[in-house]
Amino acid sequence: MQGSFFHLLGLCQRAGKVASGDQAVRDNLHKGKVKLLLVATNTSERIKKDYLRMAEQKKIPVSLAFTKEELGQAMGKSPRAAVAILDDNFARGMAGLLEKGEM
């Protein structure tokens, strides 16, 4: 997996500033720790709506730009329906790359 975005996601994971897996993402959303939420495009509609609702309630920015497989591969894990970025600086950097289309 190549690209600035995925490189930054890998750095974020190594820094321990990522939550992935359904329960970890939900727990961090409820605690208000999520700065950016990445939801896979091929996540089921029910789960996607649930994540989007929780993010909207907490005013957390959301990106729907990648598949489960891409998110999992970027982190060296199995496919991921959602990934929560827990650091402001990483979240700003990733949001900027997404805006520019630098994936």
PDB file of N, CA and C in Angstrom:
ATOM      1  N   MET A   1       0.849  -1.172   0.000  1.00  0.00           N
ATOM      2  CA  MET A   1       0.000   0.000   0.000  1.00  0.00           C
ATOM      3  C   MET A   1       0.894   1.233   0.000  1.00  0.00           C
ATOM      4  N   GLN A   2       0.684   2.129  -0.926  1.00  0.00           N
ATOM      5  CA  GLN A   2       1.536   3.303  -1.070  1.00  0.00           C
ATOM      6  C   GLN A   2       0.704   4.550  -0.831  1.00  0.00           C
ATOM      7  N   GLY A   3       1.364   5.676  -0.739  1.00  0.00           N
ATOM      8  CA  GLY A   3       0.675   6.943  -0.629  1.00  0.00           C
ATOM      9  C   GLY A   3       0.880   7.608   0.707  1.00  0.00           C
ATOM     10  N   SER A   4       0.832   8.930   0.656  1.00  0.00           N
ATOM     11  CA  SER A   4       1.067   9.747   1.844  1.00  0.00           C
ATOM     12  C   SER A   4       0.070   9.450   2.954  1.00  0.00           C
ATOM     13  N   PHE A   5      -1.195   9.276   2.580  1.00  0.00           N
ATOM     14  CA  PHE A   5      -2.223   9.048   3.593  1.00  0.00           C
ATOM     15  C   PHE A   5      -1.951   7.757   4.362  1.00  0.00           C
ATOM     16  N   PHE A   6      -1.672   6.696   3.633  1.00  0.00           N
ATOM     17  CA  PHE A   6      -1.456   5.405   4.285  1.00  0.00           C
ATOM     18  C   PHE A   6      -0.165   5.394   5.093  1.00  0.00           C
ATOM     19  N   HIS A   7       0.834   6.138   4.622  1.00  0.00           N
ATOM     20  CA  HIS A   7       2.073   6.277   5.397  1.00  0.00           C
ATOM     21  C   HIS A   7       1.760   6.952   6.737  1.00  0.00           C
ATOM     22  N   LEU A   8       0.977   8.030   6.685  1.00  0.00           N
ATOM     23  CA  LEU A   8       0.611   8.750   7.904  1.00  0.00           C
ATOM     24  C   LEU A   8      -0.244   7.877   8.828  1.00  0.00           C
ATOM     25  N   LEU A   9      -1.134   7.085   8.255  1.00  0.00           N
ATOM     26  CA  LEU A   9      -1.952   6.170   9.061  1.00  0.00           C
ATOM     27  C   LEU A   9      -1.065   5.145   9.771  1.00  0.00           C
ATOM     28  N   GLY A  10      -0.058   4.644   9.072  1.00  0.00           N
ATOM     29  CA  GLY A  10       0.873   3.702   9.689  1.00  0.00           C
ATOM     30  C   GLY A  10       1.652   4.337  10.829  1.00  0.00           C
ATOM     31  N   LEU A  11       2.108   5.575  10.636  1.00  0.00           N
ATOM     32  CA  LEU A  11       2.810   6.300  11.702  1.00  0.00           C
ATOM     33  C   LEU A  11       1.900   6.502  12.908  1.00  0.00           C
ATOM     34  N   CYS A  12       0.661   6.854  12.628  1.00  0.00           N
ATOM     35  CA  CYS A  12      -0.319   7.079  13.690  1.00  0.00           C
ATOM     36  C   CYS A  12      -0.529   5.795  14.498  1.00  0.00           C
ATOM     37  N   GLN A  13      -0.597   4.675  13.805  1.00  0.00           N
ATOM     38  CA  GLN A  13      -0.774   3.398  14.501  1.00  0.00           C
ATOM     39  C   GLN A  13       0.443   3.089  15.367  1.00  0.00           C
ATOM     40  N   ARG A  14       1.636   3.281  14.816  1.00  0.00           N
ATOM     41  CA  ARG A  14       2.847   2.992  15.585  1.00  0.00           C
ATOM     42  C   ARG A  14       2.962   3.894  16.810  1.00  0.00           C
ATOM     43  N   ALA A  15       2.381   5.091  16.722  1.00  0.00           N
ATOM     44  CA  ALA A  15       2.387   6.019  17.855  1.00  0.00           C
ATOM     45  C   ALA A  15       1.301   5.682  18.876  1.00  0.00           C
ATOM     46  N   GLY A  16       0.453   4.705  18.553  1.00  0.00           N
ATOM     47  CA  GLY A  16      -0.612   4.309  19.477  1.00  0.00           C
ATOM     48  C   GLY A  16      -1.778   5.272  19.507  1.00  0.00           C
ATOM     49  N   LYS A  17      -1.998   5.977  18.402  1.00  0.00           N
ATOM     50  CA  LYS A  17      -3.051   6.991  18.344  1.00  0.00           C
ATOM     51  C   LYS A  17      -4.198   6.578  17.426  1.00  0.00           C
ATOM     52  N   VAL A  18      -4.411   5.267  17.310  1.00  0.00           N
ATOM     53  CA  VAL A  18      -5.462   4.722  16.456  1.00  0.00           C
ATOM     54  C   VAL A  18      -6.263   3.696  17.245  1.00  0.00           C
ATOM     55  N   ALA A  19      -7.569   3.683  17.023  1.00  0.00           N
ATOM     56  CA  ALA A  19      -8.419   2.609  17.541  1.00  0.00           C
ATOM     57  C   ALA A  19      -9.072   1.949  16.333  1.00  0.00           C
ATOM     58  N   SER A  20      -8.999   0.630  16.272  1.00  0.00           N
ATOM     59  CA  SER A  20      -9.672  -0.083  15.191  1.00  0.00           C
ATOM     60  C   SER A  20     -10.349  -1.306  15.787  1.00  0.00           C
ATOM     61  N   GLY A  21     -11.311  -1.804  15.060  1.00  0.00           N
ATOM     62  CA  GLY A  21     -12.150  -2.865  15.608  1.00  0.00           C
ATOM     63  C   GLY A  21     -13.399  -2.214  16.177  1.00  0.00           C
ATOM     64  N   ASP A  22     -14.512  -2.846  15.962  1.00  0.00           N
ATOM     65  CA  ASP A  22     -15.807  -2.247  16.291  1.00  0.00           C
ATOM     66  C   ASP A  22     -15.899  -1.733  17.725  1.00  0.00           C
ATOM     67  N   GLN A  23     -15.588  -2.562  18.693  1.00  0.00           N
ATOM     68  CA  GLN A  23     -15.766  -2.143  20.091  1.00  0.00           C
ATOM     69  C   GLN A  23     -14.824  -1.008  20.473  1.00  0.00           C
ATOM     70  N   ALA A  24     -13.580  -1.075  20.027  1.00  0.00           N
ATOM     71  CA  ALA A  24     -12.612  -0.016  20.351  1.00  0.00           C
ATOM     72  C   ALA A  24     -13.036   1.314  19.741  1.00  0.00           C
ATOM     73  N   VAL A  25     -13.533   1.280  18.510  1.00  0.00           N
ATOM     74  CA  VAL A  25     -13.988   2.514  17.857  1.00  0.00           C
ATOM     75  C   VAL A  25     -15.194   3.074  18.603  1.00  0.00           C
ATOM     76  N   ARG A  26     -16.167   2.228  18.915  1.00  0.00           N
ATOM     77  CA  ARG A  26     -17.369   2.690  19.626  1.00  0.00           C
ATOM     78  C   ARG A  26     -17.021   3.256  21.006  1.00  0.00           C
ATOM     79  N   ASP A  27     -16.157   2.567  21.736  1.00  0.00           N
ATOM     80  CA  ASP A  27     -15.759   3.050  23.064  1.00  0.00           C
ATOM     81  C   ASP A  27     -15.128   4.435  22.978  1.00  0.00           C
ATOM     82  N   ASN A  28     -14.232   4.618  22.026  1.00  0.00           N
ATOM     83  CA  ASN A  28     -13.565   5.912  21.884  1.00  0.00           C
ATOM     84  C   ASN A  28     -14.509   6.996  21.379  1.00  0.00           C
ATOM     85  N   LEU A  29     -15.485   6.627  20.552  1.00  0.00           N
ATOM     86  CA  LEU A  29     -16.504   7.600  20.133  1.00  0.00           C
ATOM     87  C   LEU A  29     -17.309   8.060  21.343  1.00  0.00           C
ATOM     88  N   HIS A  30     -17.753   7.125  22.162  1.00  0.00           N
ATOM     89  CA  HIS A  30     -18.547   7.473  23.350  1.00  0.00           C
ATOM     90  C   HIS A  30     -17.754   8.326  24.333  1.00  0.00           C
ATOM     91  N   LYS A  31     -16.463   8.077  24.443  1.00  0.00           N
ATOM     92  CA  LYS A  31     -15.612   8.841  25.365  1.00  0.00           C
ATOM     93  C   LYS A  31     -15.202  10.194  24.795  1.00  0.00           C
ATOM     94  N   GLY A  32     -15.518  10.451  23.523  1.00  0.00           N
ATOM     95  CA  GLY A  32     -15.170  11.730  22.906  1.00  0.00           C
ATOM     96  C   GLY A  32     -13.695  11.866  22.561  1.00  0.00           C
ATOM     97  N   LYS A  33     -13.004  10.749  22.383  1.00  0.00           N
ATOM     98  CA  LYS A  33     -11.565  10.792  22.105  1.00  0.00           C
ATOM     99  C   LYS A  33     -11.233  10.827  20.614  1.00  0.00           C
ATOM    100  N   VAL A  34     -12.208  10.567  19.761  1.00  0.00           N
ATOM    101  CA  VAL A  34     -11.958  10.458  18.325  1.00  0.00           C
ATOM    102  C   VAL A  34     -11.867  11.844  17.691  1.00  0.00           C
ATOM    103  N   LYS A  35     -10.825  12.056  16.894  1.00  0.00           N
ATOM    104  CA  LYS A  35     -10.608  13.334  16.207  1.00  0.00           C
ATOM    105  C   LYS A  35     -10.972  13.244  14.731  1.00  0.00           C
ATOM    106  N   LEU A  36     -10.891  12.038  14.168  1.00  0.00           N
ATOM    107  CA  LEU A  36     -11.265  11.776  12.775  1.00  0.00           C
ATOM    108  C   LEU A  36     -11.691  10.320  12.694  1.00  0.00           C
ATOM    109  N   LEU A  37     -12.810  10.068  12.030  1.00  0.00           N
ATOM    110  CA  LEU A  37     -13.315   8.704  11.889  1.00  0.00           C
ATOM    111  C   LEU A  37     -13.260   8.302  10.423  1.00  0.00           C
ATOM    112  N   LEU A  38     -12.590   7.194  10.147  1.00  0.00           N
ATOM    113  CA  LEU A  38     -12.522   6.628   8.805  1.00  0.00           C
ATOM    114  C   LEU A  38     -13.473   5.441   8.766  1.00  0.00           C
ATOM    115  N   VAL A  39     -14.510   5.522   7.936  1.00  0.00           N
ATOM    116  CA  VAL A  39     -15.489   4.443   7.821  1.00  0.00           C
ATOM    117  C   VAL A  39     -15.352   3.839   6.428  1.00  0.00           C
ATOM    118  N   ALA A  40     -15.221   2.540   6.350  1.00  0.00           N
ATOM    119  CA  ALA A  40     -15.038   1.864   5.068  1.00  0.00           C
ATOM    120  C   ALA A  40     -16.277   2.007   4.195  1.00  0.00           C
ATOM    121  N   THR A  41     -16.035   2.188   2.902  1.00  0.00           N
ATOM    122  CA  THR A  41     -17.134   2.357   1.957  1.00  0.00           C
ATOM    123  C   THR A  41     -17.968   1.090   1.822  1.00  0.00           C
ATOM    124  N   ASN A  42     -17.358  -0.070   2.049  1.00  0.00           N
ATOM    125  CA  ASN A  42     -18.084  -1.331   1.898  1.00  0.00           C
ATOM    126  C   ASN A  42     -18.554  -1.917   3.233  1.00  0.00           C
ATOM    127  N   THR A  43     -18.683  -1.061   4.237  1.00  0.00           N
ATOM    128  CA  THR A  43     -19.287  -1.458   5.510  1.00  0.00           C
ATOM    129  C   THR A  43     -20.794  -1.561   5.302  1.00  0.00           C
ATOM    130  N   SER A  44     -21.456  -2.438   6.011  1.00  0.00           N
ATOM    131  CA  SER A  44     -22.908  -2.572   5.850  1.00  0.00           C
ATOM    132  C   SER A  44     -23.589  -1.236   6.158  1.00  0.00           C
ATOM    133  N   GLU A  45     -24.701  -1.001   5.500  1.00  0.00           N
ATOM    134  CA  GLU A  45     -25.421   0.274   5.663  1.00  0.00           C
ATOM    135  C   GLU A  45     -25.829   0.510   7.115  1.00  0.00           C
ATOM    136  N   ARG A  46     -26.250  -0.535   7.808  1.00  0.00           N
ATOM    137  CA  ARG A  46     -26.684  -0.383   9.196  1.00  0.00           C
ATOM    138  C   ARG A  46     -25.527   0.089  10.074  1.00  0.00           C
ATOM    139  N   ILE A  47     -24.392  -0.546   9.943  1.00  0.00           N
ATOM    140  CA  ILE A  47     -23.236  -0.175  10.760  1.00  0.00           C
ATOM    141  C   ILE A  47     -22.728   1.205  10.357  1.00  0.00           C
ATOM    142  N   LYS A  48     -22.705   1.478   9.056  1.00  0.00           N
ATOM    143  CA  LYS A  48     -22.254   2.782   8.568  1.00  0.00           C
ATOM    144  C   LYS A  48     -23.126   3.897   9.155  1.00  0.00           C
ATOM    145  N   LYS A  49     -24.448   3.712   9.119  1.00  0.00           N
ATOM    146  CA  LYS A  49     -25.362   4.716   9.679  1.00  0.00           C
ATOM    147  C   LYS A  49     -25.119   4.912  11.171  1.00  0.00           C
ATOM    148  N   ASP A  50     -24.864   3.824  11.867  1.00  0.00           N
ATOM    149  CA  ASP A  50     -24.611   3.883  13.306  1.00  0.00           C
ATOM    150  C   ASP A  50     -23.357   4.713  13.593  1.00  0.00           C
ATOM    151  N   TYR A  51     -22.268   4.427  12.884  1.00  0.00           N
ATOM    152  CA  TYR A  51     -21.031   5.200  13.060  1.00  0.00           C
ATOM    153  C   TYR A  51     -21.249   6.679  12.712  1.00  0.00           C
ATOM    154  N   LEU A  52     -21.932   6.927  11.603  1.00  0.00           N
ATOM    155  CA  LEU A  52     -22.158   8.312  11.175  1.00  0.00           C
ATOM    156  C   LEU A  52     -23.005   9.074  12.189  1.00  0.00           C
ATOM    157  N   ARG A  53     -24.002   8.407  12.758  1.00  0.00           N
ATOM    158  CA  ARG A  53     -24.848   9.046  13.769  1.00  0.00           C
ATOM    159  C   ARG A  53     -24.028   9.413  15.004  1.00  0.00           C
ATOM    160  N   MET A  54     -23.205   8.469  15.475  1.00  0.00           N
ATOM    161  CA  MET A  54     -22.380   8.744  16.659  1.00  0.00           C
ATOM    162  C   MET A  54     -21.391   9.881  16.390  1.00  0.00           C
ATOM    163  N   ALA A  55     -20.790   9.876  15.209  1.00  0.00           N
ATOM    164  CA  ALA A  55     -19.825  10.921  14.867  1.00  0.00           C
ATOM    165  C   ALA A  55     -20.514  12.281  14.771  1.00  0.00           C
ATOM    166  N   GLU A  56     -21.705  12.312  14.182  1.00  0.00           N
ATOM    167  CA  GLU A  56     -22.439  13.572  14.057  1.00  0.00           C
ATOM    168  C   GLU A  56     -22.799  14.135  15.431  1.00  0.00           C
ATOM    169  N   GLN A  57     -23.225  13.279  16.344  1.00  0.00           N
ATOM    170  CA  GLN A  57     -23.572  13.730  17.693  1.00  0.00           C
ATOM    171  C   GLN A  57     -22.388  14.383  18.392  1.00  0.00           C
ATOM    172  N   LYS A  58     -21.190  13.871  18.138  1.00  0.00           N
ATOM    173  CA  LYS A  58     -19.975  14.394  18.785  1.00  0.00           C
ATOM    174  C   LYS A  58     -19.245  15.416  17.910  1.00  0.00           C
ATOM    175  N   LYS A  59     -19.828  15.713  16.736  1.00  0.00           N
ATOM    176  CA  LYS A  59     -19.234  16.661  15.785  1.00  0.00           C
ATOM    177  C   LYS A  59     -17.819  16.237  15.364  1.00  0.00           C
ATOM    178  N   ILE A  60     -17.689  14.962  15.041  1.00  0.00           N
ATOM    179  CA  ILE A  60     -16.415  14.390  14.618  1.00  0.00           C
ATOM    180  C   ILE A  60     -16.422  14.278  13.094  1.00  0.00           C
ATOM    181  N   PRO A  61     -15.375  14.776  12.428  1.00  0.00           N
ATOM    182  CA  PRO A  61     -15.309  14.631  10.973  1.00  0.00           C
ATOM    183  C   PRO A  61     -15.173  13.159  10.579  1.00  0.00           C
ATOM    184  N   VAL A  62     -15.784  12.823   9.438  1.00  0.00           N
ATOM    185  CA  VAL A  62     -15.802  11.443   8.957  1.00  0.00           C
ATOM    186  C   VAL A  62     -15.325  11.406   7.512  1.00  0.00           C
ATOM    187  N   SER A  63     -14.573  10.378   7.178  1.00  0.00           N
ATOM    188  CA  SER A  63     -14.169  10.138   5.792  1.00  0.00           C
ATOM    189  C   SER A  63     -14.663   8.772   5.359  1.00  0.00           C
ATOM    190  N   LEU A  64     -15.272   8.741   4.189  1.00  0.00           N
ATOM    191  CA  LEU A  64     -15.715   7.490   3.569  1.00  0.00           C
ATOM    192  C   LEU A  64     -14.935   7.333   2.266  1.00  0.00           C
ATOM    193  N   ALA A  65     -13.636   7.111   2.350  1.00  0.00           N
ATOM    194  CA  ALA A  65     -12.794   7.106   1.159  1.00  0.00           C
ATOM    195  C   ALA A  65     -12.154   5.755   0.851  1.00  0.00           C
ATOM    196  N   PHE A  66     -12.215   4.800   1.773  1.00  0.00           N
ATOM    197  CA  PHE A  66     -11.472   3.559   1.599  1.00  0.00           C
ATOM    198  C   PHE A  66     -12.343   2.347   1.900  1.00  0.00           C
ATOM    199  N   THR A  67     -11.921   1.200   1.387  1.00  0.00           N
ATOM    200  CA  THR A  67     -12.620  -0.051   1.681  1.00  0.00           C
ATOM    201  C   THR A  67     -12.084  -0.651   2.982  1.00  0.00           C
ATOM    202  N   LYS A  68     -12.792  -1.638   3.489  1.00  0.00           N
ATOM    203  CA  LYS A  68     -12.340  -2.360   4.690  1.00  0.00           C
ATOM    204  C   LYS A  68     -10.952  -2.950   4.464  1.00  0.00           C
ATOM    205  N   GLU A  69     -10.765  -3.501   3.280  1.00  0.00           N
ATOM    206  CA  GLU A  69      -9.496  -4.151   2.964  1.00  0.00           C
ATOM    207  C   GLU A  69      -8.349  -3.144   2.934  1.00  0.00           C
ATOM    208  N   GLU A  70      -8.585  -1.974   2.343  1.00  0.00           N
ATOM    209  CA  GLU A  70      -7.540  -0.940   2.294  1.00  0.00           C
ATOM    210  C   GLU A  70      -7.173  -0.459   3.690  1.00  0.00           C
ATOM    211  N   LEU A  71      -8.174  -0.232   4.530  1.00  0.00           N
ATOM    212  CA  LEU A  71      -7.893   0.220   5.900  1.00  0.00           C
ATOM    213  C   LEU A  71      -7.119  -0.839   6.677  1.00  0.00           C
ATOM    214  N   GLY A  72      -7.544  -2.085   6.562  1.00  0.00           N
ATOM    215  CA  GLY A  72      -6.853  -3.160   7.264  1.00  0.00           C
ATOM    216  C   GLY A  72      -5.431  -3.344   6.772  1.00  0.00           C
ATOM    217  N   GLN A  73      -5.261  -3.342   5.459  1.00  0.00           N
ATOM    218  CA  GLN A  73      -3.933  -3.535   4.880  1.00  0.00           C
ATOM    219  C   GLN A  73      -2.985  -2.411   5.286  1.00  0.00           C
ATOM    220  N   ALA A  74      -3.465  -1.191   5.309  1.00  0.00           N
ATOM    221  CA  ALA A  74      -2.628  -0.047   5.686  1.00  0.00           C
ATOM    222  C   ALA A  74      -2.116  -0.179   7.115  1.00  0.00           C
ATOM    223  N   MET A  75      -2.867  -0.887   7.947  1.00  0.00           N
ATOM    224  CA  MET A  75      -2.486  -1.048   9.351  1.00  0.00           C
ATOM    225  C   MET A  75      -1.865  -2.410   9.634  1.00  0.00           C
ATOM    226  N   GLY A  76      -1.726  -3.241   8.597  1.00  0.00           N
ATOM    227  CA  GLY A  76      -1.168  -4.568   8.794  1.00  0.00           C
ATOM    228  C   GLY A  76      -2.101  -5.483   9.563  1.00  0.00           C
ATOM    229  N   LYS A  77      -3.403  -5.280   9.375  1.00  0.00           N
ATOM    230  CA  LYS A  77      -4.404  -6.059  10.107  1.00  0.00           C
ATOM    231  C   LYS A  77      -5.424  -6.628   9.131  1.00  0.00           C
ATOM    232  N   SER A  78      -6.373  -7.362   9.660  1.00  0.00           N
ATOM    233  CA  SER A  78      -7.476  -7.865   8.851  1.00  0.00           C
ATOM    234  C   SER A  78      -8.363  -6.679   8.456  1.00  0.00           C
ATOM    235  N   PRO A  79      -9.292  -6.877   7.509  1.00  0.00           N
ATOM    236  CA  PRO A  79     -10.158  -5.770   7.092  1.00  0.00           C
ATOM    237  C   PRO A  79     -10.830  -5.077   8.280  1.00  0.00           C
ATOM    238  N   ARG A  80     -10.945  -3.753   8.195  1.00  0.00           N
ATOM    239  CA  ARG A  80     -11.504  -2.924   9.266  1.00  0.00           C
ATOM    240  C   ARG A  80     -12.673  -2.107   8.735  1.00  0.00           C
ATOM    241  N   ALA A  81     -13.824  -2.183   9.421  1.00  0.00           N
ATOM    242  CA  ALA A  81     -14.995  -1.396   9.030  1.00  0.00           C
ATOM    243  C   ALA A  81     -14.804   0.075   9.357  1.00  0.00           C
ATOM    244  N   ALA A  82     -14.060   0.346  10.419  1.00  0.00           N
ATOM    245  CA  ALA A  82     -13.831   1.734  10.826  1.00  0.00           C
ATOM    246  C   ALA A  82     -12.512   1.833  11.578  1.00  0.00           C
ATOM    247  N   VAL A  83     -11.906   3.003  11.454  1.00  0.00           N
ATOM    248  CA  VAL A  83     -10.664   3.311  12.157  1.00  0.00           C
ATOM    249  C   VAL A  83     -10.837   4.694  12.772  1.00  0.00           C
ATOM    250  N   ALA A  84     -10.533   4.809  14.045  1.00  0.00           N
ATOM    251  CA  ALA A  84     -10.652   6.086  14.755  1.00  0.00           C
ATOM    252  C   ALA A  84      -9.260   6.660  14.991  1.00  0.00           C
ATOM    253  N   ILE A  85      -9.061   7.888  14.561  1.00  0.00           N
ATOM    254  CA  ILE A  85      -7.804   8.599  14.792  1.00  0.00           C
ATOM    255  C   ILE A  85      -7.983   9.383  16.087  1.00  0.00           C
ATOM    256  N   LEU A  86      -7.053   9.206  17.029  1.00  0.00           N
ATOM    257  CA  LEU A  86      -7.214   9.751  18.377  1.00  0.00           C
ATOM    258  C   LEU A  86      -6.314  10.945  18.676  1.00  0.00           C
ATOM    259  N   ASP A  87      -5.611  11.449  17.683  1.00  0.00           N
ATOM    260  CA  ASP A  87      -4.676  12.547  17.891  1.00  0.00           C
ATOM    261  C   ASP A  87      -5.025  13.705  16.958  1.00  0.00           C
ATOM    262  N   ASP A  88      -5.076  14.932  17.505  1.00  0.00           N
ATOM    263  CA  ASP A  88      -5.424  16.110  16.705  1.00  0.00           C
ATOM    264  C   ASP A  88      -4.480  16.327  15.535  1.00  0.00           C
ATOM    265  N   ASN A  89      -3.179  16.227  15.787  1.00  0.00           N
ATOM    266  CA  ASN A  89      -2.206  16.503  14.727  1.00  0.00           C
ATOM    267  C   ASN A  89      -2.289  15.488  13.596  1.00  0.00           C
ATOM    268  N   PHE A  90      -2.375  14.211  13.937  1.00  0.00           N
ATOM    269  CA  PHE A  90      -2.531  13.198  12.900  1.00  0.00           C
ATOM    270  C   PHE A  90      -3.845  13.413  12.149  1.00  0.00           C
ATOM    271  N   ALA A  91      -4.916  13.710  12.867  1.00  0.00           N
ATOM    272  CA  ALA A  91      -6.223  13.916  12.236  1.00  0.00           C
ATOM    273  C   ALA A  91      -6.182  15.092  11.266  1.00  0.00           C
ATOM    274  N   ARG A  92      -5.552  16.195  11.665  1.00  0.00           N
ATOM    275  CA  ARG A  92      -5.439  17.353  10.769  1.00  0.00           C
ATOM    276  C   ARG A  92      -4.624  17.007   9.528  1.00  0.00           C
ATOM    277  N   GLY A  93      -3.516  16.309   9.734  1.00  0.00           N
ATOM    278  CA  GLY A  93      -2.678  15.914   8.602  1.00  0.00           C
ATOM    279  C   GLY A  93      -3.423  15.018   7.629  1.00  0.00           C
ATOM    280  N   MET A  94      -4.145  14.050   8.156  1.00  0.00           N
ATOM    281  CA  MET A  94      -4.900  13.130   7.303  1.00  0.00           C
ATOM    282  C   MET A  94      -6.034  13.846   6.583  1.00  0.00           C
ATOM    283  N   ALA A  95      -6.733  14.721   7.295  1.00  0.00           N
ATOM    284  CA  ALA A  95      -7.832  15.470   6.675  1.00  0.00           C
ATOM    285  C   ALA A  95      -7.300  16.326   5.533  1.00  0.00           C
ATOM    286  N   GLY A  96      -6.137  16.943   5.734  1.00  0.00           N
ATOM    287  CA  GLY A  96      -5.529  17.750   4.678  1.00  0.00           C
ATOM    288  C   GLY A  96      -5.181  16.917   3.458  1.00  0.00           C
ATOM    289  N   LEU A  97      -4.622  15.740   3.676  1.00  0.00           N
ATOM    290  CA  LEU A  97      -4.291  14.853   2.559  1.00  0.00           C
ATOM    291  C   LEU A  97      -5.549  14.386   1.833  1.00  0.00           C
ATOM    292  N   LEU A  98      -6.603  14.089   2.582  1.00  0.00           N
ATOM    293  CA  LEU A  98      -7.862  13.672   1.959  1.00  0.00           C
ATOM    294  C   LEU A  98      -8.443  14.791   1.106  1.00  0.00           C
ATOM    295  N   GLU A  99      -8.382  16.026   1.609  1.00  0.00           N
ATOM    296  CA  GLU A  99      -8.891  17.170   0.842  1.00  0.00           C
ATOM    297  C   GLU A  99      -8.146  17.338  -0.471  1.00  0.00           C
ATOM    298  N   LYS A 100      -6.832  17.120  -0.428  1.00  0.00           N
ATOM    299  CA  LYS A 100      -6.001  17.268  -1.628  1.00  0.00           C
ATOM    300  C   LYS A 100      -6.072  16.043  -2.530  1.00  0.00           C
ATOM    301  N   GLY A 101      -6.680  14.970  -2.050  1.00  0.00           N
ATOM    302  CA  GLY A 101      -6.753  13.741  -2.822  1.00  0.00           C
ATOM    303  C   GLY A 101      -5.450  12.974  -2.851  1.00  0.00           C
ATOM    304  N   GLU A 102      -4.576  13.224  -1.871  1.00  0.00           N
ATOM    305  CA  GLU A 102      -3.273  12.552  -1.807  1.00  0.00           C
ATOM    306  C   GLU A 102      -3.393  11.297  -0.956  1.00  0.00           C
ATOM    307  N   MET A 103      -3.761  10.220  -1.613  1.00  0.00           N
ATOM    308  CA  MET A 103      -3.961   8.976  -0.884  1.00  0.00           C
ATOM    309  C   MET A 103      -2.897   8.006  -1.287  1.00  0.00           C
TER     310      MET A 103
END
